[in-house]
Amino acid sequence: MRLAVAALVSSLALATACAAAVATGNTSLTSAAPAHEPILPIQAGDAYYTKAAEAVDTRIAQRGIKPAKNIILFIGDGMGISTITAARIYAGQSAGVDGESYRLAMETLPSSALSKTYSHDYQVADSAATATAMTAGLKTKSGFLGVSGAVNFGNCASVPGNEADTIFELAYRSGLATGVISTARITHATPGSTYAKVPHRNWEADSDMRGASSDTCKDIARQLIEGAASDFDVIMGGGRSKFLPKETQDPEYTDQTGDRADGRNLMEEWATKGGDRATFTDQAGFDAVNFDSDIKVLGLFEPSHMQYELDREQDTAGEPSLEAMTRAAITRLARNDEGFVLMVEGGRIDHAHHAGNAIRALEDTLAFDAAIAAALEMTNAEDTLIIVTADHSHTFTINGYPQRGNPILGLVTAGASAEGGSLGADGLPYTTLSYANGPGACRETGKDEEGKPIYDCKRYDLTGVDTMAPDFRQQSLVPLYSETHGGEDVAAFASGPGSMLISGVIEQNELFHVMGRAIGLIPAPATEE
């Protein structure tokens, strides 16, 4: 029921947004874009950076560009094209309408492109390298955040001189409002790419650094508290254990403590850095904040990642939806007359796919889409560039020949004239959604004498199995404990000033250059006389 309502709300909000833009516009966000003094990022000499800058500059010369005042970068972590398609059908079917012809809010944005996601060293990349491409304009090695590919993995000494300025750091230095919200840990790869400079994405707390000197390299949570990100106006997501000492009990879960070995409570340190600030850890704390004020906020709603959308209402303390956080962030950031830059990540789409659990991936995709609809409603396409994309895809497939209207989470059915369902060559039914690899290849059939699980990795019979149950894992081909990313291009949708530059097939790091040029934070590439 919650899913169906969310789907309908998404479409209604989108209709409202379109009507408002055509009729009167949004009076709070319609002033002309201010002129910013462009800043040459420290990574401007990187070959990936210069090639992307030149590609975008060529398109600007051909098509022109209208200045943007605000930028919102939506990243659906792991939201490949098959995920978008399945979510579209799921949303429509949940709302009681035709799923195949349904439209998500993100699909209404007028510009679109395919974005190439490879990293400097991998055909199939991770979230750190791909997020860095979008936030800093260069491709780097998988596992790196905010540094170039010249850095050596896990080597602190190789970082100095190879850091990269992010669009968020440039915005902060130029006086714009800045915000980062995610359903993942705020120190995780995608949100971490807005501020962190590390040769190992897993260094989220000092206890995660495994022998690396915390005097030479700072962990990601510490970089947030001690760097420019400490003055970002809105920071909300999960991951508070990375900010709390091991001796400190979690404020929500009495059986858990923080992760930090240095004894520092970084949430408390952030709160004392000056100005009007608020920290909070649950729905009540979120509700108590007046976001229509100049307050800076740090909301960390879980020790690790936030709840999946399917499970969020079961959380006794409660935590806000991604849509609610997006509305709050825009309300707060729009108070800055200079404009703002905001990242909104649907981080748990990726995690559900890794678990081979399609229903949670689709539910989180629709929660992400509801946040996009909210942003379209609250902003004006005349001055706000909105980009919706993914960092990478997954091995998630839509297959077989199911009939039109067949439940997207169900078994593949035979034609209307046939009885029963379609069967594989092994005589067993199969689902429309599946994975090329992952935990769904095996099922636990018992325990051995030591109590360890016994797995059967042969394809098992789905007859009578509830394939729409929350914990059902779609079957996969290659058995892995965790399903992997996919390497195909992902979609990039856009609206607003600069959106016409997003078309065709683009390099992922060109998105940084589109944003930076549209909002005037980076200069055009230098040309030889």
Protein backbone atom coordinates (compact mmCIF):
# COMPACT_ATOMS: atom_id res chain seq x y z
CA MET A 1 0.00 0.00 0.00
CA ARG A 2 2.80 2.44 0.88
CA LEU A 3 4.44 1.75 -2.47
CA ALA A 4 1.23 2.41 -4.40
CA VAL A 5 0.64 5.68 -2.60
CA ALA A 6 4.24 6.73 -3.17
CA ALA A 7 3.92 6.01 -6.87
CA LEU A 8 0.78 8.10 -7.15
CA VAL A 9 2.24 10.91 -5.10
CA SER A 10 5.29 10.91 -7.38
CA SER A 11 3.18 11.41 -10.50
CA LEU A 12 0.94 14.00 -8.84
CA ALA A 13 3.93 15.97 -7.60
CA LEU A 14 5.42 15.90 -11.07
CA ALA A 15 2.19 17.23 -12.58
CA THR A 16 2.16 20.00 -10.02
CA ALA A 17 5.76 20.87 -10.84
CA CYS A 18 5.10 21.05 -14.57
CA ALA A 19 2.01 23.19 -14.09
CA ALA A 20 3.84 25.55 -11.77
CA ALA A 21 6.75 25.97 -14.17
CA VAL A 22 4.45 26.74 -17.09
CA ALA A 23 2.12 29.03 -15.16
CA THR A 24 3.62 31.17 -12.43
CA GLY A 25 6.96 29.58 -11.60
CA ASN A 26 8.44 29.18 -8.14
CA THR A 27 8.97 32.65 -6.72
CA SER A 28 11.55 31.52 -4.16
CA LEU A 29 14.01 30.27 -6.79
CA THR A 30 13.52 32.48 -9.84
CA SER A 31 16.12 35.22 -9.39
CA ALA A 32 18.85 35.52 -12.01
CA ALA A 33 21.93 33.40 -11.49
CA PRO A 34 24.72 35.40 -9.82
CA ALA A 35 28.12 35.62 -11.44
CA HIS A 36 30.81 33.58 -9.71
CA GLU A 37 34.52 34.01 -10.15
CA PRO A 38 35.56 30.69 -11.72
CA ILE A 39 38.09 28.63 -9.78
CA LEU A 40 40.65 26.47 -11.58
CA PRO A 41 40.56 23.11 -9.74
CA ILE A 42 43.85 21.68 -8.61
CA GLN A 43 43.29 18.64 -10.82
CA ALA A 44 42.93 20.76 -13.98
CA GLY A 45 46.13 19.32 -15.47
CA ASP A 46 44.91 15.72 -15.26
CA ALA A 47 44.46 14.16 -18.72
CA TYR A 48 40.98 12.84 -17.96
CA TYR A 49 39.96 16.26 -16.66
CA THR A 50 41.23 18.19 -19.69
CA LYS A 51 39.68 15.79 -22.21
CA ALA A 52 36.27 16.02 -20.54
CA ALA A 53 36.56 19.80 -20.21
CA GLU A 54 37.28 20.13 -23.92
CA ALA A 55 34.38 17.85 -24.86
CA VAL A 56 31.92 19.89 -22.84
CA ASP A 57 33.38 23.17 -24.07
CA THR A 58 32.88 22.02 -27.66
CA ARG A 59 29.21 21.36 -26.97
CA ILE A 60 28.87 24.74 -25.26
CA ALA A 61 30.32 26.42 -28.36
CA GLN A 62 27.78 24.62 -30.51
CA ARG A 63 24.70 24.90 -28.30
CA GLY A 64 25.36 27.71 -25.86
CA ILE A 65 24.61 27.55 -22.15
CA LYS A 66 22.28 29.42 -19.86
CA PRO A 67 23.60 30.15 -16.36
CA ALA A 68 22.28 28.03 -13.51
CA LYS A 69 21.82 29.29 -9.98
CA ASN A 70 21.34 25.88 -8.33
CA ILE A 71 22.42 22.31 -9.02
CA ILE A 72 20.92 19.10 -7.69
CA LEU A 73 22.80 15.90 -8.52
CA PHE A 74 20.68 12.79 -7.93
CA ILE A 75 22.65 9.55 -7.86
CA GLY A 76 20.80 6.26 -7.69
CA ASP A 77 23.59 3.99 -6.52
CA GLY A 78 23.56 0.89 -8.72
CA MET A 79 20.49 2.12 -10.64
CA GLY A 80 21.18 0.62 -14.04
CA ILE A 81 18.73 0.89 -16.92
CA SER A 82 17.20 -2.50 -16.13
CA THR A 83 16.51 -1.24 -12.61
CA ILE A 84 14.75 1.84 -13.99
CA THR A 85 12.64 -0.31 -16.32
CA ALA A 86 11.68 -2.79 -13.60
CA ALA A 87 10.92 0.05 -11.16
CA ARG A 88 8.69 1.72 -13.73
CA ILE A 89 6.67 -1.47 -14.21
CA TYR A 90 6.59 -2.15 -10.46
CA ALA A 91 5.36 1.37 -9.73
CA GLY A 92 2.58 1.20 -12.28
CA GLN A 93 1.44 -2.25 -11.20
CA SER A 94 1.51 -1.23 -7.53
CA ALA A 95 -0.64 1.79 -8.37
CA GLY A 96 -3.15 -0.40 -10.19
CA VAL A 97 -2.35 0.94 -13.67
CA ASP A 98 -0.43 -0.35 -16.66
CA GLY A 99 3.17 -0.82 -15.59
CA GLU A 100 4.86 -1.07 -18.97
CA SER A 101 3.67 2.38 -20.11
CA TYR A 102 4.02 4.06 -16.72
CA ARG A 103 6.43 6.98 -16.35
CA LEU A 104 8.68 7.73 -13.43
CA ALA A 105 9.44 11.32 -12.47
CA MET A 106 13.04 10.93 -13.61
CA GLU A 107 11.87 9.83 -17.06
CA THR A 108 10.11 13.16 -17.66
CA LEU A 109 13.33 15.17 -17.65
CA PRO A 110 13.81 16.47 -21.21
CA SER A 111 17.49 15.67 -21.79
CA SER A 112 19.15 12.29 -21.54
CA ALA A 113 22.38 10.49 -22.34
CA LEU A 114 24.23 7.27 -21.78
CA SER A 115 27.11 7.66 -19.34
CA LYS A 116 30.23 5.46 -19.57
CA THR A 117 31.17 4.20 -16.11
CA TYR A 118 34.57 2.51 -16.44
CA SER A 119 37.28 3.66 -14.04
CA HIS A 120 41.00 4.25 -14.68
CA ASP A 121 41.80 0.60 -13.96
CA TYR A 122 38.56 -1.42 -14.13
CA GLN A 123 36.07 -2.22 -16.87
CA VAL A 124 33.41 -2.66 -14.16
CA ALA A 125 33.94 0.10 -11.63
CA ASP A 126 33.05 0.70 -8.00
CA SER A 127 31.16 3.61 -6.46
CA ALA A 128 34.25 5.47 -5.27
CA ALA A 129 35.83 5.95 -8.69
CA THR A 130 32.52 6.65 -10.41
CA ALA A 131 31.36 9.15 -7.79
CA THR A 132 34.73 10.91 -7.95
CA ALA A 133 34.29 11.17 -11.72
CA MET A 134 31.02 13.03 -11.26
CA THR A 135 32.05 15.26 -8.37
CA ALA A 136 35.62 16.07 -9.44
CA GLY A 137 35.69 15.69 -13.23
CA LEU A 138 38.41 13.05 -13.64
CA LYS A 139 38.55 9.29 -13.75
CA THR A 140 40.54 7.58 -11.03
CA LYS A 141 41.27 4.10 -9.79
CA SER A 142 38.53 2.00 -8.25
CA GLY A 143 38.54 2.34 -4.48
CA PHE A 144 39.84 5.94 -4.52
CA LEU A 145 37.98 9.05 -3.38
CA GLY A 146 38.92 12.59 -4.34
CA VAL A 147 42.37 11.76 -5.72
CA SER A 148 43.77 11.05 -9.16
CA GLY A 149 44.95 7.73 -10.52
CA ALA A 150 48.55 8.74 -9.79
CA VAL A 151 47.98 7.70 -6.16
CA ASN A 152 48.90 4.20 -5.00
CA PHE A 153 46.22 2.11 -3.30
CA GLY A 154 46.41 2.42 0.50
CA ASN A 155 49.53 4.58 0.29
CA CYS A 156 49.14 7.78 2.33
CA ALA A 157 52.43 9.24 1.12
CA SER A 158 51.25 9.24 -2.50
CA VAL A 159 48.22 11.46 -1.83
CA PRO A 160 49.76 14.96 -1.40
CA GLY A 161 49.79 16.75 -4.75
CA ASN A 162 47.26 14.38 -6.29
CA GLU A 163 44.07 15.58 -4.61
CA ALA A 164 41.05 16.88 -6.53
CA ASP A 165 38.69 19.77 -5.79
CA THR A 166 35.03 18.75 -5.87
CA ILE A 167 32.10 20.78 -7.16
CA PHE A 168 30.91 20.98 -3.55
CA GLU A 169 34.18 22.37 -2.23
CA LEU A 170 34.28 24.93 -5.05
CA ALA A 171 30.68 25.91 -4.29
CA TYR A 172 31.48 26.35 -0.61
CA ARG A 173 34.53 28.50 -1.39
CA SER A 174 32.36 30.64 -3.68
CA GLY A 175 29.75 31.31 -1.02
CA LEU A 176 27.04 28.94 -2.25
CA ALA A 177 25.03 26.74 0.06
CA THR A 178 26.00 23.06 0.03
CA GLY A 179 24.25 19.86 1.03
CA VAL A 180 24.79 16.10 0.91
CA ILE A 181 22.07 13.59 1.79
CA SER A 182 22.10 9.82 1.39
CA THR A 183 20.40 6.68 2.64
CA ALA A 184 23.87 5.12 2.94
CA ARG A 185 26.52 6.00 5.51
CA ILE A 186 27.52 9.61 4.96
CA THR A 187 31.14 8.38 4.92
CA HIS A 188 30.34 5.81 2.23
CA ALA A 189 31.78 6.13 -1.27
CA THR A 190 29.21 8.31 -3.03
CA PRO A 191 28.58 10.95 -0.33
CA GLY A 192 32.24 10.70 0.69
CA SER A 193 33.25 11.75 -2.82
CA THR A 194 32.01 15.27 -2.11
CA TYR A 195 34.75 15.96 0.45
CA ALA A 196 37.17 13.05 1.12
CA LYS A 197 40.69 12.50 -0.26
CA VAL A 198 41.71 8.90 0.46
CA PRO A 199 43.54 6.07 -1.33
CA HIS A 200 41.16 3.54 0.26
CA ARG A 201 37.39 4.05 0.32
CA ASN A 202 36.97 1.80 3.38
CA TRP A 203 38.87 4.17 5.66
CA GLU A 204 35.63 5.56 7.06
CA ALA A 205 36.82 5.62 10.70
CA ASP A 206 40.32 5.44 12.16
CA SER A 207 39.67 1.84 13.24
CA ASP A 208 39.12 0.93 9.56
CA MET A 209 42.60 2.02 8.48
CA ARG A 210 44.34 -1.27 9.34
CA GLY A 211 47.83 -0.10 10.05
CA ALA A 212 47.85 3.11 8.02
CA SER A 213 48.97 6.05 10.12
CA SER A 214 46.12 8.33 11.17
CA ASP A 215 48.75 11.06 11.55
CA THR A 216 49.60 10.83 7.85
CA CYS A 217 46.13 10.02 6.50
CA LYS A 218 42.89 11.17 8.05
CA ASP A 219 39.91 8.82 8.00
CA ILE A 220 36.84 9.93 6.04
CA ALA A 221 34.69 10.89 9.05
CA ARG A 222 37.53 13.00 10.42
CA GLN A 223 37.95 14.71 7.04
CA LEU A 224 34.28 15.65 7.11
CA ILE A 225 34.62 17.19 10.58
CA GLU A 226 37.97 18.91 10.06
CA GLY A 227 37.71 20.03 6.44
CA ALA A 228 35.49 22.34 4.43
CA ALA A 229 32.65 19.81 4.64
CA SER A 230 32.25 20.68 8.32
CA ASP A 231 30.64 23.90 7.08
CA PHE A 232 28.32 22.28 4.55
CA ASP A 233 24.85 23.46 5.42
CA VAL A 234 23.04 20.12 5.25
CA ILE A 235 24.53 16.67 5.93
CA MET A 236 22.06 13.83 6.46
CA GLY A 237 22.32 10.08 6.10
CA GLY A 238 23.48 7.04 8.05
CA GLY A 239 26.80 6.03 9.54
CA ARG A 240 26.98 7.62 13.00
CA SER A 241 29.16 4.77 14.33
CA LYS A 242 32.03 6.23 12.30
CA PHE A 243 31.73 9.44 14.32
CA LEU A 244 31.39 7.93 17.82
CA PRO A 245 34.03 6.33 20.10
CA LYS A 246 34.01 2.62 20.80
CA GLU A 247 33.29 3.48 24.42
CA THR A 248 30.10 5.39 23.54
CA GLN A 249 26.76 3.58 23.40
CA ASP A 250 24.72 4.20 20.30
CA PRO A 251 21.81 6.56 21.08
CA GLU A 252 19.26 4.20 19.52
CA TYR A 253 20.62 0.66 19.89
CA THR A 254 21.76 -0.20 23.41
CA ASP A 255 23.75 -3.23 22.22
CA GLN A 256 25.91 -1.18 19.84
CA THR A 257 28.73 1.33 20.26
CA GLY A 258 30.74 3.59 18.01
CA ASP A 259 33.67 2.50 15.83
CA ARG A 260 36.30 5.11 16.61
CA ALA A 261 39.49 4.02 18.36
CA ASP A 262 40.77 7.56 18.99
CA GLY A 263 38.15 8.33 21.64
CA ARG A 264 36.81 11.32 19.72
CA ASN A 265 33.10 12.08 19.46
CA LEU A 266 33.02 13.79 16.10
CA MET A 267 29.31 14.59 16.26
CA GLU A 268 29.94 16.63 19.40
CA GLU A 269 32.99 18.27 17.82
CA TRP A 270 30.96 19.26 14.76
CA ALA A 271 28.25 20.79 16.96
CA THR A 272 30.76 23.10 18.67
CA LYS A 273 32.34 24.52 15.51
CA GLY A 274 30.38 27.77 15.68
CA GLY A 275 27.14 29.22 14.42
CA ASP A 276 23.67 27.77 14.76
CA ARG A 277 24.04 23.99 14.46
CA ALA A 278 21.94 20.93 15.22
CA THR A 279 22.71 17.22 15.36
CA PHE A 280 20.00 14.58 15.48
CA THR A 281 19.65 10.82 15.15
CA ASP A 282 15.97 10.04 14.60
CA GLN A 283 12.67 11.24 13.18
CA ALA A 284 11.83 13.30 16.25
CA GLY A 285 15.12 15.17 16.01
CA PHE A 286 14.57 15.77 12.30
CA ASP A 287 11.03 17.04 12.92
CA ALA A 288 12.26 19.47 15.58
CA VAL A 289 14.54 21.35 13.16
CA ASN A 290 13.33 24.52 11.46
CA PHE A 291 14.89 24.05 8.03
CA ASP A 292 13.57 27.45 6.94
CA SER A 293 16.38 29.07 8.92
CA ASP A 294 20.15 29.48 8.69
CA ILE A 295 20.88 26.47 10.87
CA LYS A 296 23.51 23.92 9.81
CA VAL A 297 22.43 20.33 10.33
CA LEU A 298 24.12 16.96 10.80
CA GLY A 299 21.58 14.14 10.91
CA LEU A 300 22.92 10.59 11.24
CA PHE A 301 19.98 8.23 11.52
CA GLU A 302 21.61 4.82 11.86
CA PRO A 303 24.91 3.36 13.11
CA SER A 304 25.44 2.07 9.56
CA HIS A 305 23.20 2.56 6.52
CA MET A 306 19.66 3.86 6.83
CA GLN A 307 16.77 1.41 6.61
CA TYR A 308 15.59 0.05 3.30
CA GLU A 309 12.40 1.79 2.25
CA LEU A 310 10.51 -1.50 2.60
CA ASP A 311 11.61 -1.72 6.24
CA ARG A 312 11.70 1.95 7.23
CA GLU A 313 8.31 2.03 8.93
CA GLN A 314 9.36 -0.85 11.19
CA ASP A 315 12.10 1.28 12.78
CA THR A 316 10.85 2.09 16.28
CA ALA A 317 12.68 5.41 16.58
CA GLY A 318 11.74 6.36 13.03
CA GLU A 319 13.75 8.05 10.34
CA PRO A 320 12.76 10.36 7.49
CA SER A 321 12.25 9.24 3.93
CA LEU A 322 14.63 10.35 1.20
CA GLU A 323 11.85 12.58 -0.11
CA ALA A 324 11.44 14.26 3.30
CA MET A 325 15.20 14.84 3.56
CA THR A 326 15.24 16.27 0.03
CA ARG A 327 12.42 18.68 0.81
CA ALA A 328 14.14 19.78 4.01
CA ALA A 329 17.48 20.23 2.25
CA ILE A 330 16.05 22.34 -0.56
CA THR A 331 14.12 24.48 1.93
CA ARG A 332 17.33 25.15 3.86
CA LEU A 333 19.69 25.63 0.92
CA ALA A 334 17.33 27.87 -1.08
CA ARG A 335 17.74 30.55 1.60
CA ASN A 336 21.17 31.37 0.15
CA ASP A 337 20.75 34.09 -2.50
CA GLU A 338 23.96 32.95 -4.20
CA GLY A 339 22.49 29.54 -4.97
CA PHE A 340 23.26 25.99 -3.87
CA VAL A 341 24.73 22.63 -4.85
CA LEU A 342 23.08 19.50 -3.47
CA MET A 343 23.73 15.77 -3.81
CA VAL A 344 20.89 13.31 -3.16
CA GLU A 345 21.90 9.65 -3.14
CA GLY A 346 19.58 6.67 -3.12
CA GLY A 347 22.33 4.54 -1.65
CA ARG A 348 20.50 1.35 -0.76
CA ILE A 349 19.39 0.46 -4.28
CA ASP A 350 22.91 -0.87 -4.65
CA HIS A 351 22.88 -2.81 -1.39
CA ALA A 352 19.66 -4.63 -2.22
CA HIS A 353 21.08 -5.65 -5.59
CA HIS A 354 24.24 -6.97 -3.93
CA ALA A 355 21.94 -9.12 -1.79
CA GLY A 356 20.09 -10.39 -4.88
CA ASN A 357 16.90 -8.90 -3.43
CA ALA A 358 15.03 -7.17 -6.24
CA ILE A 359 11.97 -5.98 -4.31
CA ARG A 360 14.02 -3.87 -1.92
CA ALA A 361 16.04 -2.46 -4.82
CA LEU A 362 12.83 -1.45 -6.59
CA GLU A 363 11.23 0.00 -3.46
CA ASP A 364 14.31 2.14 -2.88
CA THR A 365 14.32 3.20 -6.52
CA LEU A 366 10.77 4.47 -6.14
CA ALA A 367 11.66 6.27 -2.91
CA PHE A 368 14.49 7.88 -4.88
CA ASP A 369 12.07 8.83 -7.65
CA ALA A 370 9.71 10.42 -5.11
CA ALA A 371 12.61 12.62 -4.00
CA ILE A 372 13.18 13.64 -7.63
CA ALA A 373 9.49 14.53 -7.98
CA ALA A 374 9.75 16.66 -4.84
CA ALA A 375 12.75 18.53 -6.25
CA LEU A 376 10.94 19.20 -9.52
CA GLU A 377 8.01 20.55 -7.54
CA MET A 378 10.13 22.81 -5.34
CA THR A 379 12.50 24.28 -7.94
CA ASN A 380 12.24 26.12 -11.23
CA ALA A 381 13.73 24.75 -14.45
CA GLU A 382 14.73 28.30 -15.40
CA ASP A 383 17.50 28.42 -12.80
CA THR A 384 18.03 24.91 -11.38
CA LEU A 385 20.00 22.22 -13.19
CA ILE A 386 18.82 18.78 -12.08
CA ILE A 387 20.79 15.72 -13.12
CA VAL A 388 19.58 12.20 -12.36
CA THR A 389 21.99 9.35 -12.98
CA ALA A 390 23.69 6.30 -11.50
CA ASP A 391 27.27 5.59 -10.60
CA HIS A 392 27.17 2.10 -12.12
CA SER A 393 24.81 -0.74 -12.94
CA HIS A 394 24.33 -4.30 -11.65
CA THR A 395 23.99 -7.76 -13.20
CA PHE A 396 20.22 -7.39 -12.89
CA THR A 397 18.23 -8.67 -15.88
CA ILE A 398 14.64 -8.67 -17.17
CA ASN A 399 14.26 -11.85 -19.19
CA GLY A 400 12.04 -14.51 -20.71
CA TYR A 401 8.85 -13.68 -22.59
CA PRO A 402 6.37 -12.73 -19.86
CA GLN A 403 2.95 -11.55 -20.97
CA ARG A 404 2.05 -7.87 -20.83
CA GLY A 405 0.90 -7.10 -17.31
CA ASN A 406 2.61 -10.13 -15.76
CA PRO A 407 3.75 -9.22 -12.20
CA ILE A 408 7.29 -7.95 -12.58
CA LEU A 409 8.34 -9.89 -9.47
CA GLY A 410 6.56 -13.04 -10.58
CA LEU A 411 7.34 -16.11 -12.63
CA VAL A 412 7.58 -15.84 -16.39
CA THR A 413 4.26 -16.97 -17.84
CA ALA A 414 3.55 -18.73 -21.08
CA GLY A 415 1.41 -17.26 -23.82
CA ALA A 416 -2.28 -16.68 -23.25
CA SER A 417 -3.19 -19.89 -25.07
CA ALA A 418 -0.82 -22.04 -23.01
CA GLU A 419 -1.40 -23.54 -19.60
CA GLY A 420 0.92 -22.96 -16.65
CA GLY A 421 4.18 -21.04 -16.76
CA SER A 422 7.18 -21.04 -18.99
CA LEU A 423 9.85 -23.53 -18.00
CA GLY A 424 13.58 -23.65 -18.48
CA ALA A 425 15.30 -26.50 -20.28
CA ASP A 426 15.70 -28.11 -16.86
CA GLY A 427 11.91 -28.25 -16.50
CA LEU A 428 11.78 -25.62 -13.76
CA PRO A 429 9.99 -22.24 -13.74
CA TYR A 430 11.93 -19.02 -13.54
CA THR A 431 11.30 -15.38 -12.62
CA THR A 432 11.26 -12.39 -14.94
CA LEU A 433 13.93 -10.72 -12.81
CA SER A 434 17.23 -12.45 -12.14
CA TYR A 435 20.94 -11.80 -11.68
CA ALA A 436 23.94 -13.02 -13.63
CA ASN A 437 25.70 -13.69 -10.32
CA GLY A 438 25.07 -13.43 -6.59
CA PRO A 439 23.73 -15.25 -3.56
CA GLY A 440 20.53 -16.39 -5.30
CA ALA A 441 22.44 -19.20 -7.02
CA CYS A 442 22.45 -21.25 -3.82
CA ARG A 443 20.05 -21.97 -0.99
CA GLU A 444 20.68 -23.28 2.48
CA THR A 445 19.38 -26.83 2.88
CA GLY A 446 20.57 -27.65 6.42
CA LYS A 447 23.48 -27.66 8.84
CA ASP A 448 26.49 -29.92 9.13
CA GLU A 449 27.70 -31.53 12.36
CA GLU A 450 29.47 -28.31 13.36
CA GLY A 451 26.39 -26.24 12.72
CA LYS A 452 27.73 -24.69 9.54
CA PRO A 453 25.21 -24.17 6.72
CA ILE A 454 25.01 -26.64 3.85
CA TYR A 455 24.25 -25.08 0.48
CA ASP A 456 22.70 -26.51 -2.65
CA CYS A 457 23.83 -24.50 -5.68
CA LYS A 458 21.68 -26.26 -8.25
CA ARG A 459 18.71 -24.32 -9.59
CA TYR A 460 15.76 -25.15 -7.39
CA ASP A 461 12.05 -25.43 -8.14
CA LEU A 462 10.13 -22.15 -7.65
CA THR A 463 6.74 -23.83 -7.90
CA GLY A 464 4.68 -22.60 -4.97
CA VAL A 465 7.39 -20.16 -3.84
CA ASP A 466 6.25 -16.60 -3.06
CA THR A 467 8.60 -14.70 -5.36
CA MET A 468 7.13 -11.39 -4.15
CA ALA A 469 8.04 -11.97 -0.51
CA PRO A 470 10.31 -9.27 0.97
CA ASP A 471 13.21 -11.64 1.62
CA PHE A 472 13.06 -13.63 -1.64
CA ARG A 473 16.35 -13.63 -3.51
CA GLN A 474 16.07 -13.81 -7.27
CA GLN A 475 17.98 -16.74 -8.71
CA SER A 476 21.39 -16.11 -10.22
CA LEU A 477 23.75 -17.97 -12.52
CA VAL A 478 27.16 -17.70 -10.84
CA PRO A 479 27.17 -18.31 -7.07
CA LEU A 480 28.71 -15.42 -5.15
CA TYR A 481 28.18 -14.24 -1.59
CA SER A 482 27.50 -10.76 -2.94
CA GLU A 483 26.24 -9.92 -6.42
CA THR A 484 28.56 -7.64 -8.40
CA HIS A 485 28.24 -4.39 -10.29
CA GLY A 486 27.53 -4.34 -14.01
CA GLY A 487 29.72 -2.53 -16.50
CA GLU A 488 27.25 -1.23 -19.08
CA ASP A 489 26.48 2.46 -19.55
CA VAL A 490 23.94 4.06 -17.24
CA ALA A 491 21.29 6.66 -17.97
CA ALA A 492 21.72 10.36 -17.24
CA PHE A 493 18.57 12.50 -17.28
CA ALA A 494 18.64 16.30 -16.95
CA SER A 495 16.53 19.44 -16.91
CA GLY A 496 17.28 23.11 -16.46
CA PRO A 497 20.21 25.32 -17.50
CA GLY A 498 22.98 23.22 -19.03
CA SER A 499 20.82 20.15 -19.50
CA MET A 500 21.10 20.40 -23.29
CA LEU A 501 24.76 19.46 -22.92
CA ILE A 502 23.74 16.01 -21.70
CA SER A 503 22.98 13.95 -24.80
CA GLY A 504 24.32 11.06 -26.82
CA VAL A 505 27.01 8.92 -25.18
CA ILE A 506 29.20 10.80 -22.72
CA GLU A 507 32.05 10.13 -20.37
CA GLN A 508 30.85 10.02 -16.78
CA ASN A 509 33.33 12.67 -15.64
CA GLU A 510 31.86 15.14 -18.14
CA LEU A 511 28.93 15.59 -15.74
CA PHE A 512 31.21 17.57 -13.40
CA HIS A 513 32.13 19.89 -16.24
CA VAL A 514 28.51 20.40 -17.26
CA MET A 515 27.63 21.34 -13.67
CA GLY A 516 30.70 23.48 -13.11
CA ARG A 517 30.31 25.44 -16.33
CA ALA A 518 26.55 25.88 -15.93
CA ILE A 519 26.86 27.36 -12.46
CA GLY A 520 30.03 29.29 -13.28
CA LEU A 521 32.33 27.66 -10.75
CA ILE A 522 35.02 26.46 -13.17
CA PRO A 523 36.59 28.26 -16.15
CA ALA A 524 36.53 27.16 -19.76
CA PRO A 525 39.61 25.17 -20.74
CA ALA A 526 42.54 27.32 -21.81
CA THR A 527 43.13 27.53 -25.55
CA GLU A 528 46.49 27.91 -27.21
CA GLU A 529 47.09 31.13 -29.14
